[in-house]
Amino acid sequence: MNKPTFRQRIVYDLGFELPPELHEWVVQDVAGRGAMKRYIIRFLVPIIPFFVLILLFPGPMTLKLGLIVMMIVPLIVFGVALSYVWRRFRFVQHGLDPELVDKRKFSQLDRELYNLRYRN
């Protein structure tokens, strides 16, 4: 499996498409092991400077930390809730099948068992 160069990785992290020879890497990155952790890190890291700015406000440190926590919790909740939509978008953006998001979760046998039990 090919890996992107440093420049390609930065471009990819900014939301642009990678060349077709790196699509296998994209599938592993978006739906492979540790994908949710990478997604949350990519989601929160650009926002950290804004949290640091809050520390410059006058007032007690407990108030500042409380403000930061009150912003981080909804960010994580919405980030996790929208991760499925984002992963499907990244697959479509690269010309891949968006159903790969679901196929990574369940094996074909699990899917057939589910259909036999609940779809009939």
PDB file of N, CA and C in Angstrom:
ATOM      1  N   MET A   1       0.848  -1.174   0.000  1.00  0.00           N
ATOM      2  CA  MET A   1       0.000   0.000   0.000  1.00  0.00           C
ATOM      3  C   MET A   1       0.895   1.239   0.000  1.00  0.00           C
ATOM      4  N   ASN A   2       0.640   2.144  -0.944  1.00  0.00           N
ATOM      5  CA  ASN A   2       1.382   3.393  -1.022  1.00  0.00           C
ATOM      6  C   ASN A   2       0.940   4.336   0.089  1.00  0.00           C
ATOM      7  N   LYS A   3       1.887   5.139   0.572  1.00  0.00           N
ATOM      8  CA  LYS A   3       1.567   6.158   1.567  1.00  0.00           C
ATOM      9  C   LYS A   3       1.813   7.527   0.949  1.00  0.00           C
ATOM     10  N   PRO A   4       1.026   8.519   1.342  1.00  0.00           N
ATOM     11  CA  PRO A   4       1.222   9.853   0.779  1.00  0.00           C
ATOM     12  C   PRO A   4       2.495  10.509   1.309  1.00  0.00           C
ATOM     13  N   THR A   5       3.040  11.400   0.510  1.00  0.00           N
ATOM     14  CA  THR A   5       4.186  12.187   0.949  1.00  0.00           C
ATOM     15  C   THR A   5       3.708  13.202   1.983  1.00  0.00           C
ATOM     16  N   PHE A   6       4.666  13.908   2.588  1.00  0.00           N
ATOM     17  CA  PHE A   6       4.304  14.904   3.596  1.00  0.00           C
ATOM     18  C   PHE A   6       3.396  15.970   2.994  1.00  0.00           C
ATOM     19  N   ARG A   7       3.739  16.437   1.806  1.00  0.00           N
ATOM     20  CA  ARG A   7       2.937  17.465   1.131  1.00  0.00           C
ATOM     21  C   ARG A   7       1.539  16.945   0.801  1.00  0.00           C
ATOM     22  N   GLN A   8       1.456  15.715   0.287  1.00  0.00           N
ATOM     23  CA  GLN A   8       0.152  15.123  -0.026  1.00  0.00           C
ATOM     24  C   GLN A   8      -0.675  14.954   1.241  1.00  0.00           C
ATOM     25  N   ARG A   9      -0.037  14.601   2.330  1.00  0.00           N
ATOM     26  CA  ARG A   9      -0.740  14.400   3.592  1.00  0.00           C
ATOM     27  C   ARG A   9      -1.339  15.715   4.097  1.00  0.00           C
ATOM     28  N   ILE A  10      -0.574  16.795   3.986  1.00  0.00           N
ATOM     29  CA  ILE A  10      -1.079  18.110   4.405  1.00  0.00           C
ATOM     30  C   ILE A  10      -2.263  18.507   3.536  1.00  0.00           C
ATOM     31  N   VAL A  11      -2.138  18.304   2.226  1.00  0.00           N
ATOM     32  CA  VAL A  11      -3.231  18.630   1.298  1.00  0.00           C
ATOM     33  C   VAL A  11      -4.459  17.794   1.628  1.00  0.00           C
ATOM     34  N   TYR A  12      -4.261  16.514   1.929  1.00  0.00           N
ATOM     35  CA  TYR A  12      -5.360  15.618   2.287  1.00  0.00           C
ATOM     36  C   TYR A  12      -6.030  16.076   3.584  1.00  0.00           C
ATOM     37  N   ASP A  13      -5.220  16.450   4.572  1.00  0.00           N
ATOM     38  CA  ASP A  13      -5.776  16.910   5.850  1.00  0.00           C
ATOM     39  C   ASP A  13      -6.530  18.225   5.715  1.00  0.00           C
ATOM     40  N   LEU A  14      -6.198  19.009   4.702  1.00  0.00           N
ATOM     41  CA  LEU A  14      -6.929  20.250   4.451  1.00  0.00           C
ATOM     42  C   LEU A  14      -8.239  20.004   3.703  1.00  0.00           C
ATOM     43  N   GLY A  15      -8.493  18.758   3.295  1.00  0.00           N
ATOM     44  CA  GLY A  15      -9.777  18.415   2.696  1.00  0.00           C
ATOM     45  C   GLY A  15      -9.763  18.191   1.206  1.00  0.00           C
ATOM     46  N   PHE A  16      -8.588  18.114   0.603  1.00  0.00           N
ATOM     47  CA  PHE A  16      -8.514  17.907  -0.835  1.00  0.00           C
ATOM     48  C   PHE A  16      -8.343  16.433  -1.168  1.00  0.00           C
ATOM     49  N   GLU A  17      -8.471  16.105  -2.441  1.00  0.00           N
ATOM     50  CA  GLU A  17      -8.436  14.726  -2.918  1.00  0.00           C
ATOM     51  C   GLU A  17      -7.005  14.275  -3.176  1.00  0.00           C
ATOM     52  N   LEU A  18      -6.748  12.996  -2.920  1.00  0.00           N
ATOM     53  CA  LEU A  18      -5.462  12.396  -3.230  1.00  0.00           C
ATOM     54  C   LEU A  18      -5.544  11.686  -4.582  1.00  0.00           C
ATOM     55  N   PRO A  19      -4.398  11.423  -5.225  1.00  0.00           N
ATOM     56  CA  PRO A  19      -4.424  10.716  -6.510  1.00  0.00           C
ATOM     57  C   PRO A  19      -4.945   9.283  -6.356  1.00  0.00           C
ATOM     58  N   PRO A  20      -5.422   8.679  -7.447  1.00  0.00           N
ATOM     59  CA  PRO A  20      -6.026   7.335  -7.375  1.00  0.00           C
ATOM     60  C   PRO A  20      -5.117   6.253  -6.808  1.00  0.00           C
ATOM     61  N   GLU A  21      -3.804   6.372  -6.972  1.00  0.00           N
ATOM     62  CA  GLU A  21      -2.925   5.318  -6.451  1.00  0.00           C
ATOM     63  C   GLU A  21      -2.886   5.300  -4.922  1.00  0.00           C
ATOM     64  N   LEU A  22      -3.432   6.305  -4.276  1.00  0.00           N
ATOM     65  CA  LEU A  22      -3.466   6.359  -2.812  1.00  0.00           C
ATOM     66  C   LEU A  22      -4.852   6.066  -2.238  1.00  0.00           C
ATOM     67  N   HIS A  23      -5.776   5.612  -3.073  1.00  0.00           N
ATOM     68  CA  HIS A  23      -7.140   5.358  -2.600  1.00  0.00           C
ATOM     69  C   HIS A  23      -7.196   4.241  -1.562  1.00  0.00           C
ATOM     70  N   GLU A  24      -6.333   3.254  -1.696  1.00  0.00           N
ATOM     71  CA  GLU A  24      -6.314   2.184  -0.687  1.00  0.00           C
ATOM     72  C   GLU A  24      -5.918   2.752   0.677  1.00  0.00           C
ATOM     73  N   TRP A  25      -4.967   3.685   0.686  1.00  0.00           N
ATOM     74  CA  TRP A  25      -4.570   4.332   1.932  1.00  0.00           C
ATOM     75  C   TRP A  25      -5.725   5.158   2.492  1.00  0.00           C
ATOM     76  N   VAL A  26      -6.482   5.822   1.614  1.00  0.00           N
ATOM     77  CA  VAL A  26      -7.626   6.626   2.045  1.00  0.00           C
ATOM     78  C   VAL A  26      -8.657   5.738   2.736  1.00  0.00           C
ATOM     79  N   VAL A  27      -8.918   4.563   2.169  1.00  0.00           N
ATOM     80  CA  VAL A  27      -9.875   3.638   2.776  1.00  0.00           C
ATOM     81  C   VAL A  27      -9.405   3.241   4.164  1.00  0.00           C
ATOM     82  N   GLN A  28      -8.116   2.935   4.311  1.00  0.00           N
ATOM     83  CA  GLN A  28      -7.593   2.578   5.625  1.00  0.00           C
ATOM     84  C   GLN A  28      -7.656   3.759   6.591  1.00  0.00           C
ATOM     85  N   ASP A  29      -7.400   4.947   6.094  1.00  0.00           N
ATOM     86  CA  ASP A  29      -7.397   6.123   6.957  1.00  0.00           C
ATOM     87  C   ASP A  29      -8.799   6.486   7.430  1.00  0.00           C
ATOM     88  N   VAL A  30      -9.774   6.385   6.543  1.00  0.00           N
ATOM     89  CA  VAL A  30     -11.131   6.827   6.870  1.00  0.00           C
ATOM     90  C   VAL A  30     -11.938   5.745   7.586  1.00  0.00           C
ATOM     91  N   ALA A  31     -11.712   4.482   7.257  1.00  0.00           N
ATOM     92  CA  ALA A  31     -12.541   3.426   7.833  1.00  0.00           C
ATOM     93  C   ALA A  31     -11.750   2.334   8.533  1.00  0.00           C
ATOM     94  N   GLY A  32     -10.441   2.444   8.583  1.00  0.00           N
ATOM     95  CA  GLY A  32      -9.627   1.404   9.193  1.00  0.00           C
ATOM     96  C   GLY A  32      -9.533   1.529  10.705  1.00  0.00           C
ATOM     97  N   ARG A  33      -8.631   0.754  11.267  1.00  0.00           N
ATOM     98  CA  ARG A  33      -8.429   0.759  12.710  1.00  0.00           C
ATOM     99  C   ARG A  33      -7.906   2.127  13.154  1.00  0.00           C
ATOM    100  N   GLY A  34      -8.513   2.703  14.185  1.00  0.00           N
ATOM    101  CA  GLY A  34      -8.103   3.986  14.729  1.00  0.00           C
ATOM    102  C   GLY A  34      -8.639   5.189  13.969  1.00  0.00           C
ATOM    103  N   ALA A  35      -9.584   4.965  13.066  1.00  0.00           N
ATOM    104  CA  ALA A  35     -10.097   6.059  12.233  1.00  0.00           C
ATOM    105  C   ALA A  35     -10.823   7.116  13.077  1.00  0.00           C
ATOM    106  N   MET A  36     -11.579   6.690  14.061  1.00  0.00           N
ATOM    107  CA  MET A  36     -12.324   7.652  14.877  1.00  0.00           C
ATOM    108  C   MET A  36     -11.370   8.518  15.693  1.00  0.00           C
ATOM    109  N   LYS A  37     -10.322   7.921  16.220  1.00  0.00           N
ATOM    110  CA  LYS A  37      -9.347   8.689  16.994  1.00  0.00           C
ATOM    111  C   LYS A  37      -8.662   9.731  16.107  1.00  0.00           C
ATOM    112  N   ARG A  38      -8.264   9.338  14.904  1.00  0.00           N
ATOM    113  CA  ARG A  38      -7.639  10.288  13.979  1.00  0.00           C
ATOM    114  C   ARG A  38      -8.611  11.395  13.609  1.00  0.00           C
ATOM    115  N   TYR A  39      -9.870  11.044  13.414  1.00  0.00           N
ATOM    116  CA  TYR A  39     -10.882  12.037  13.049  1.00  0.00           C
ATOM    117  C   TYR A  39     -11.063  13.069  14.164  1.00  0.00           C
ATOM    118  N   ILE A  40     -11.172  12.614  15.405  1.00  0.00           N
ATOM    119  CA  ILE A  40     -11.364  13.530  16.533  1.00  0.00           C
ATOM    120  C   ILE A  40     -10.147  14.438  16.696  1.00  0.00           C
ATOM    121  N   ILE A  41      -8.955  13.885  16.541  1.00  0.00           N
ATOM    122  CA  ILE A  41      -7.747  14.700  16.658  1.00  0.00           C
ATOM    123  C   ILE A  41      -7.719  15.763  15.560  1.00  0.00           C
ATOM    124  N   ARG A  42      -8.028  15.371  14.334  1.00  0.00           N
ATOM    125  CA  ARG A  42      -8.058  16.333  13.229  1.00  0.00           C
ATOM    126  C   ARG A  42      -9.149  17.377  13.425  1.00  0.00           C
ATOM    127  N   PHE A  43     -10.184  17.030  14.112  1.00  0.00           N
ATOM    128  CA  PHE A  43     -11.299  17.936  14.351  1.00  0.00           C
ATOM    129  C   PHE A  43     -10.964  18.949  15.440  1.00  0.00           C
ATOM    130  N   LEU A  44     -10.238  18.528  16.480  1.00  0.00           N
ATOM    131  CA  LEU A  44      -9.992  19.387  17.629  1.00  0.00           C
ATOM    132  C   LEU A  44      -8.702  20.207  17.537  1.00  0.00           C
ATOM    133  N   VAL A  45      -7.675  19.703  16.876  1.00  0.00           N
ATOM    134  CA  VAL A  45      -6.385  20.393  16.851  1.00  0.00           C
ATOM    135  C   VAL A  45      -6.481  21.810  16.289  1.00  0.00           C
ATOM    136  N   PRO A  46      -7.194  22.067  15.185  1.00  0.00           N
ATOM    137  CA  PRO A  46      -7.252  23.438  14.684  1.00  0.00           C
ATOM    138  C   PRO A  46      -7.972  24.414  15.627  1.00  0.00           C
ATOM    139  N   ILE A  47      -8.747  23.905  16.570  1.00  0.00           N
ATOM    140  CA  ILE A  47      -9.520  24.761  17.460  1.00  0.00           C
ATOM    141  C   ILE A  47      -8.739  25.113  18.730  1.00  0.00           C
ATOM    142  N   ILE A  48      -7.662  24.407  19.006  1.00  0.00           N
ATOM    143  CA  ILE A  48      -6.892  24.622  20.229  1.00  0.00           C
ATOM    144  C   ILE A  48      -6.409  26.069  20.385  1.00  0.00           C
ATOM    145  N   PRO A  49      -5.925  26.746  19.336  1.00  0.00           N
ATOM    146  CA  PRO A  49      -5.503  28.145  19.537  1.00  0.00           C
ATOM    147  C   PRO A  49      -6.616  29.055  20.086  1.00  0.00           C
ATOM    148  N   PHE A  50      -7.850  28.791  19.717  1.00  0.00           N
ATOM    149  CA  PHE A  50      -8.954  29.586  20.255  1.00  0.00           C
ATOM    150  C   PHE A  50      -9.145  29.330  21.748  1.00  0.00           C
ATOM    151  N   PHE A  51      -8.919  28.095  22.166  1.00  0.00           N
ATOM    152  CA  PHE A  51      -9.006  27.785  23.587  1.00  0.00           C
ATOM    153  C   PHE A  51      -7.869  28.459  24.362  1.00  0.00           C
ATOM    154  N   VAL A  52      -6.701  28.529  23.751  1.00  0.00           N
ATOM    155  CA  VAL A  52      -5.570  29.196  24.399  1.00  0.00           C
ATOM    156  C   VAL A  52      -5.870  30.685  24.567  1.00  0.00           C
ATOM    157  N   LEU A  53      -6.547  31.285  23.592  1.00  0.00           N
ATOM    158  CA  LEU A  53      -6.915  32.698  23.712  1.00  0.00           C
ATOM    159  C   LEU A  53      -7.829  32.954  24.908  1.00  0.00           C
ATOM    160  N   ILE A  54      -8.659  31.987  25.234  1.00  0.00           N
ATOM    161  CA  ILE A  54      -9.550  32.141  26.388  1.00  0.00           C
ATOM    162  C   ILE A  54      -8.737  32.287  27.669  1.00  0.00           C
ATOM    163  N   LEU A  55      -7.587  31.629  27.718  1.00  0.00           N
ATOM    164  CA  LEU A  55      -6.743  31.719  28.914  1.00  0.00           C
ATOM    165  C   LEU A  55      -6.179  33.125  29.111  1.00  0.00           C
ATOM    166  N   LEU A  56      -6.207  33.949  28.077  1.00  0.00           N
ATOM    167  CA  LEU A  56      -5.704  35.323  28.202  1.00  0.00           C
ATOM    168  C   LEU A  56      -6.744  36.283  28.782  1.00  0.00           C
ATOM    169  N   PHE A  57      -8.009  35.858  28.856  1.00  0.00           N
ATOM    170  CA  PHE A  57      -9.043  36.710  29.435  1.00  0.00           C
ATOM    171  C   PHE A  57      -8.780  36.903  30.928  1.00  0.00           C
ATOM    172  N   PRO A  58      -9.145  38.066  31.460  1.00  0.00           N
ATOM    173  CA  PRO A  58      -8.988  38.249  32.911  1.00  0.00           C
ATOM    174  C   PRO A  58     -10.053  37.442  33.657  1.00  0.00           C
ATOM    175  N   GLY A  59      -9.695  36.976  34.803  1.00  0.00           N
ATOM    176  CA  GLY A  59     -10.633  36.227  35.628  1.00  0.00           C
ATOM    177  C   GLY A  59      -9.978  34.997  36.222  1.00  0.00           C
ATOM    178  N   PRO A  60     -10.713  34.323  37.103  1.00  0.00           N
ATOM    179  CA  PRO A  60     -10.146  33.131  37.745  1.00  0.00           C
ATOM    180  C   PRO A  60      -9.958  31.983  36.746  1.00  0.00           C
ATOM    181  N   MET A  61      -8.962  31.167  37.017  1.00  0.00           N
ATOM    182  CA  MET A  61      -8.632  30.045  36.127  1.00  0.00           C
ATOM    183  C   MET A  61      -9.776  29.041  36.057  1.00  0.00           C
ATOM    184  N   THR A  62     -10.525  28.861  37.150  1.00  0.00           N
ATOM    185  CA  THR A  62     -11.639  27.910  37.117  1.00  0.00           C
ATOM    186  C   THR A  62     -12.704  28.349  36.108  1.00  0.00           C
ATOM    187  N   LEU A  63     -12.935  29.641  36.013  1.00  0.00           N
ATOM    188  CA  LEU A  63     -13.894  30.152  35.042  1.00  0.00           C
ATOM    189  C   LEU A  63     -13.408  29.903  33.615  1.00  0.00           C
ATOM    190  N   LYS A  64     -12.134  30.145  33.374  1.00  0.00           N
ATOM    191  CA  LYS A  64     -11.564  29.930  32.043  1.00  0.00           C
ATOM    192  C   LYS A  64     -11.637  28.457  31.646  1.00  0.00           C
ATOM    193  N   LEU A  65     -11.255  27.587  32.568  1.00  0.00           N
ATOM    194  CA  LEU A  65     -11.314  26.156  32.272  1.00  0.00           C
ATOM    195  C   LEU A  65     -12.755  25.689  32.082  1.00  0.00           C
ATOM    196  N   GLY A  66     -13.664  26.262  32.838  1.00  0.00           N
ATOM    197  CA  GLY A  66     -15.076  25.926  32.669  1.00  0.00           C
ATOM    198  C   GLY A  66     -15.583  26.321  31.286  1.00  0.00           C
ATOM    199  N   LEU A  67     -15.171  27.494  30.816  1.00  0.00           N
ATOM    200  CA  LEU A  67     -15.555  27.917  29.465  1.00  0.00           C
ATOM    201  C   LEU A  67     -15.015  26.964  28.406  1.00  0.00           C
ATOM    202  N   ILE A  68     -13.760  26.569  28.575  1.00  0.00           N
ATOM    203  CA  ILE A  68     -13.152  25.658  27.601  1.00  0.00           C
ATOM    204  C   ILE A  68     -13.875  24.320  27.602  1.00  0.00           C
ATOM    205  N   VAL A  69     -14.164  23.784  28.779  1.00  0.00           N
ATOM    206  CA  VAL A  69     -14.873  22.501  28.865  1.00  0.00           C
ATOM    207  C   VAL A  69     -16.265  22.608  28.258  1.00  0.00           C
ATOM    208  N   MET A  70     -16.940  23.735  28.508  1.00  0.00           N
ATOM    209  CA  MET A  70     -18.291  23.901  27.947  1.00  0.00           C
ATOM    210  C   MET A  70     -18.266  23.992  26.430  1.00  0.00           C
ATOM    211  N   MET A  71     -17.140  24.329  25.852  1.00  0.00           N
ATOM    212  CA  MET A  71     -17.033  24.349  24.390  1.00  0.00           C
ATOM    213  C   MET A  71     -16.545  23.016  23.834  1.00  0.00           C
ATOM    214  N   ILE A  72     -15.668  22.346  24.552  1.00  0.00           N
ATOM    215  CA  ILE A  72     -15.114  21.081  24.054  1.00  0.00           C
ATOM    216  C   ILE A  72     -16.166  19.980  24.031  1.00  0.00           C
ATOM    217  N   VAL A  73     -16.975  19.892  25.079  1.00  0.00           N
ATOM    218  CA  VAL A  73     -17.964  18.800  25.151  1.00  0.00           C
ATOM    219  C   VAL A  73     -18.917  18.813  23.949  1.00  0.00           C
ATOM    220  N   PRO A  74     -19.571  19.931  23.616  1.00  0.00           N
ATOM    221  CA  PRO A  74     -20.434  19.909  22.435  1.00  0.00           C
ATOM    222  C   PRO A  74     -19.657  19.672  21.138  1.00  0.00           C
ATOM    223  N   LEU A  75     -18.426  20.175  21.064  1.00  0.00           N
ATOM    224  CA  LEU A  75     -17.626  19.929  19.868  1.00  0.00           C
ATOM    225  C   LEU A  75     -17.389  18.439  19.654  1.00  0.00           C
ATOM    226  N   ILE A  76     -17.050  17.746  20.721  1.00  0.00           N
ATOM    227  CA  ILE A  76     -16.811  16.304  20.601  1.00  0.00           C
ATOM    228  C   ILE A  76     -18.107  15.576  20.275  1.00  0.00           C
ATOM    229  N   VAL A  77     -19.197  15.956  20.927  1.00  0.00           N
ATOM    230  CA  VAL A  77     -20.488  15.296  20.664  1.00  0.00           C
ATOM    231  C   VAL A  77     -20.900  15.476  19.202  1.00  0.00           C
ATOM    232  N   PHE A  78     -20.846  16.708  18.706  1.00  0.00           N
ATOM    233  CA  PHE A  78     -21.225  16.944  17.316  1.00  0.00           C
ATOM    234  C   PHE A  78     -20.224  16.320  16.354  1.00  0.00           C
ATOM    235  N   GLY A  79     -18.958  16.331  16.722  1.00  0.00           N
ATOM    236  CA  GLY A  79     -17.951  15.704  15.870  1.00  0.00           C
ATOM    237  C   GLY A  79     -18.180  14.222  15.706  1.00  0.00           C
ATOM    238  N   VAL A  80     -18.471  13.536  16.805  1.00  0.00           N
ATOM    239  CA  VAL A  80     -18.738  12.099  16.737  1.00  0.00           C
ATOM    240  C   VAL A  80     -20.041  11.842  15.979  1.00  0.00           C
ATOM    241  N   ALA A  81     -21.049  12.675  16.211  1.00  0.00           N
ATOM    242  CA  ALA A  81     -22.332  12.481  15.523  1.00  0.00           C
ATOM    243  C   ALA A  81     -22.197  12.671  14.017  1.00  0.00           C
ATOM    244  N   LEU A  82     -21.330  13.558  13.586  1.00  0.00           N
ATOM    245  CA  LEU A  82     -21.185  13.832  12.156  1.00  0.00           C
ATOM    246  C   LEU A  82     -20.069  13.029  11.496  1.00  0.00           C
ATOM    247  N   SER A  83     -19.389  12.170  12.228  1.00  0.00           N
ATOM    248  CA  SER A  83     -18.271  11.422  11.656  1.00  0.00           C
ATOM    249  C   SER A  83     -18.724  10.498  10.527  1.00  0.00           C
ATOM    250  N   TYR A  84     -19.889   9.892  10.679  1.00  0.00           N
ATOM    251  CA  TYR A  84     -20.390   8.983   9.635  1.00  0.00           C
ATOM    252  C   TYR A  84     -20.609   9.752   8.332  1.00  0.00           C
ATOM    253  N   VAL A  85     -21.203  10.925   8.422  1.00  0.00           N
ATOM    254  CA  VAL A  85     -21.450  11.753   7.238  1.00  0.00           C
ATOM    255  C   VAL A  85     -20.127  12.180   6.618  1.00  0.00           C
ATOM    256  N   TRP A  86     -19.174  12.566   7.447  1.00  0.00           N
ATOM    257  CA  TRP A  86     -17.877  13.005   6.946  1.00  0.00           C
ATOM    258  C   TRP A  86     -17.141  11.876   6.234  1.00  0.00           C
ATOM    259  N   ARG A  87     -17.167  10.671   6.832  1.00  0.00           N
ATOM    260  CA  ARG A  87     -16.473   9.543   6.203  1.00  0.00           C
ATOM    261  C   ARG A  87     -17.097   9.190   4.857  1.00  0.00           C
ATOM    262  N   ARG A  88     -18.414   9.211   4.771  1.00  0.00           N
ATOM    263  CA  ARG A  88     -19.070   8.951   3.483  1.00  0.00           C
ATOM    264  C   ARG A  88     -18.688  10.029   2.470  1.00  0.00           C
ATOM    265  N   PHE A  89     -18.639  11.288   2.904  1.00  0.00           N
ATOM    266  CA  PHE A  89     -18.244  12.372   2.013  1.00  0.00           C
ATOM    267  C   PHE A  89     -16.825  12.167   1.484  1.00  0.00           C
ATOM    268  N   ARG A  90     -15.906  11.763   2.355  1.00  0.00           N
ATOM    269  CA  ARG A  90     -14.515  11.566   1.914  1.00  0.00           C
ATOM    270  C   ARG A  90     -14.422  10.442   0.889  1.00  0.00           C
ATOM    271  N   PHE A  91     -15.216   9.379   1.066  1.00  0.00           N
ATOM    272  CA  PHE A  91     -15.218   8.301   0.075  1.00  0.00           C
ATOM    273  C   PHE A  91     -15.752   8.797  -1.264  1.00  0.00           C
ATOM    274  N   VAL A  92     -16.847   9.531  -1.239  1.00  0.00           N
ATOM    275  CA  VAL A  92     -17.423  10.071  -2.483  1.00  0.00           C
ATOM    276  C   VAL A  92     -16.444  11.040  -3.128  1.00  0.00           C
ATOM    277  N   GLN A  93     -15.786  11.856  -2.325  1.00  0.00           N
ATOM    278  CA  GLN A  93     -14.833  12.827  -2.840  1.00  0.00           C
ATOM    279  C   GLN A  93     -13.696  12.148  -3.607  1.00  0.00           C
ATOM    280  N   HIS A  94     -13.277  10.979  -3.162  1.00  0.00           N
ATOM    281  CA  HIS A  94     -12.197  10.261  -3.811  1.00  0.00           C
ATOM    282  C   HIS A  94     -12.700   9.283  -4.873  1.00  0.00           C
ATOM    283  N   GLY A  95     -13.994   9.290  -5.136  1.00  0.00           N
ATOM    284  CA  GLY A  95     -14.543   8.410  -6.165  1.00  0.00           C
ATOM    285  C   GLY A  95     -14.687   6.974  -5.707  1.00  0.00           C
ATOM    286  N   LEU A  96     -14.769   6.747  -4.414  1.00  0.00           N
ATOM    287  CA  LEU A  96     -14.923   5.403  -3.857  1.00  0.00           C
ATOM    288  C   LEU A  96     -16.374   5.178  -3.464  1.00  0.00           C
ATOM    289  N   ASP A  97     -16.715   3.930  -3.229  1.00  0.00           N
ATOM    290  CA  ASP A  97     -18.069   3.579  -2.836  1.00  0.00           C
ATOM    291  C   ASP A  97     -18.322   4.015  -1.391  1.00  0.00           C
ATOM    292  N   PRO A  98     -19.324   4.866  -1.142  1.00  0.00           N
ATOM    293  CA  PRO A  98     -19.576   5.305   0.240  1.00  0.00           C
ATOM    294  C   PRO A  98     -20.043   4.180   1.157  1.00  0.00           C
ATOM    295  N   GLU A  99     -20.465   3.071   0.585  1.00  0.00           N
ATOM    296  CA  GLU A  99     -20.885   1.936   1.408  1.00  0.00           C
ATOM    297  C   GLU A  99     -19.702   1.254   2.099  1.00  0.00           C
ATOM    298  N   LEU A 100     -18.479   1.628   1.738  1.00  0.00           N
ATOM    299  CA  LEU A 100     -17.309   1.062   2.409  1.00  0.00           C
ATOM    300  C   LEU A 100     -17.312   1.382   3.901  1.00  0.00           C
ATOM    301  N   VAL A 101     -17.964   2.455   4.281  1.00  0.00           N
ATOM    302  CA  VAL A 101     -18.052   2.808   5.703  1.00  0.00           C
ATOM    303  C   VAL A 101     -18.752   1.692   6.460  1.00  0.00           C
ATOM    304  N   ASP A 102     -19.844   1.183   5.930  1.00  0.00           N
ATOM    305  CA  ASP A 102     -20.605   0.130   6.598  1.00  0.00           C
ATOM    306  C   ASP A 102     -19.956  -1.240   6.441  1.00  0.00           C
ATOM    307  N   LYS A 103     -19.344  -1.495   5.308  1.00  0.00           N
ATOM    308  CA  LYS A 103     -18.755  -2.808   5.067  1.00  0.00           C
ATOM    309  C   LYS A 103     -17.577  -3.066   5.989  1.00  0.00           C
ATOM    310  N   ARG A 104     -16.927  -2.028   6.461  1.00  0.00           N
ATOM    311  CA  ARG A 104     -15.817  -2.199   7.390  1.00  0.00           C
ATOM    312  C   ARG A 104     -16.309  -2.626   8.766  1.00  0.00           C
ATOM    313  N   LYS A 105     -17.532  -2.252   9.118  1.00  0.00           N
ATOM    314  CA  LYS A 105     -18.046  -2.561  10.454  1.00  0.00           C
ATOM    315  C   LYS A 105     -18.481  -4.020  10.586  1.00  0.00           C
ATOM    316  N   PHE A 106     -19.171  -4.521   9.591  1.00  0.00           N
ATOM    317  CA  PHE A 106     -19.785  -5.831   9.694  1.00  0.00           C
ATOM    318  C   PHE A 106     -19.276  -6.750   8.586  1.00  0.00           C
ATOM    319  N   SER A 107     -19.098  -7.998   8.928  1.00  0.00           N
ATOM    320  CA  SER A 107     -18.730  -8.955   7.904  1.00  0.00           C
ATOM    321  C   SER A 107     -19.990  -9.332   7.109  1.00  0.00           C
ATOM    322  N   GLN A 108     -19.787  -9.969   5.997  1.00  0.00           N
ATOM    323  CA  GLN A 108     -20.915 -10.360   5.160  1.00  0.00           C
ATOM    324  C   GLN A 108     -21.808 -11.353   5.908  1.00  0.00           C
ATOM    325  N   LEU A 109     -21.219 -12.237   6.691  1.00  0.00           N
ATOM    326  CA  LEU A 109     -22.002 -13.207   7.462  1.00  0.00           C
ATOM    327  C   LEU A 109     -22.877 -12.490   8.484  1.00  0.00           C
ATOM    328  N   ASP A 110     -22.333 -11.496   9.176  1.00  0.00           N
ATOM    329  CA  ASP A 110     -23.124 -10.728  10.140  1.00  0.00           C
ATOM    330  C   ASP A 110     -24.293 -10.038   9.450  1.00  0.00           C
ATOM    331  N   ARG A 111     -24.036  -9.486   8.280  1.00  0.00           N
ATOM    332  CA  ARG A 111     -25.086  -8.795   7.534  1.00  0.00           C
ATOM    333  C   ARG A 111     -26.196  -9.769   7.105  1.00  0.00           C
ATOM    334  N   GLU A 112     -25.806 -10.963   6.643  1.00  0.00           N
ATOM    335  CA  GLU A 112     -26.801 -11.964   6.229  1.00  0.00           C
ATOM    336  C   GLU A 112     -27.618 -12.449   7.427  1.00  0.00           C
ATOM    337  N   LEU A 113     -26.965 -12.670   8.568  1.00  0.00           N
ATOM    338  CA  LEU A 113     -27.690 -13.085   9.773  1.00  0.00           C
ATOM    339  C   LEU A 113     -28.681 -12.021  10.207  1.00  0.00           C
ATOM    340  N   TYR A 114     -28.268 -10.772  10.157  1.00  0.00           N
ATOM    341  CA  TYR A 114     -29.169  -9.678  10.515  1.00  0.00           C
ATOM    342  C   TYR A 114     -30.374  -9.656   9.575  1.00  0.00           C
ATOM    343  N   ASN A 115     -30.127  -9.777   8.273  1.00  0.00           N
ATOM    344  CA  ASN A 115     -31.220  -9.755   7.303  1.00  0.00           C
ATOM    345  C   ASN A 115     -32.177 -10.932   7.509  1.00  0.00           C
ATOM    346  N   LEU A 116     -31.651 -12.104   7.833  1.00  0.00           N
ATOM    347  CA  LEU A 116     -32.506 -13.268   8.070  1.00  0.00           C
ATOM    348  C   LEU A 116     -33.385 -13.052   9.311  1.00  0.00           C
ATOM    349  N   ARG A 117     -32.830 -12.486  10.357  1.00  0.00           N
ATOM    350  CA  ARG A 117     -33.564 -12.333  11.612  1.00  0.00           C
ATOM    351  C   ARG A 117     -34.587 -11.196  11.574  1.00  0.00           C
ATOM    352  N   TYR A 118     -34.213 -10.074  11.020  1.00  0.00           N
ATOM    353  CA  TYR A 118     -35.013  -8.873  11.207  1.00  0.00           C
ATOM    354  C   TYR A 118     -35.637  -8.297   9.946  1.00  0.00           C
ATOM    355  N   ARG A 119     -35.229  -8.700   8.784  1.00  0.00           N
ATOM    356  CA  ARG A 119     -35.762  -8.106   7.560  1.00  0.00           C
ATOM    357  C   ARG A 119     -36.910  -8.916   6.963  1.00  0.00           C
ATOM    358  N   ASN A 120     -37.152 -10.081   7.465  1.00  0.00           N
ATOM    359  CA  ASN A 120     -38.235 -10.904   6.892  1.00  0.00           C
ATOM    360  C   ASN A 120     -39.528 -10.753   7.636  1.00  0.00           C
TER     361      ASN A 120
END
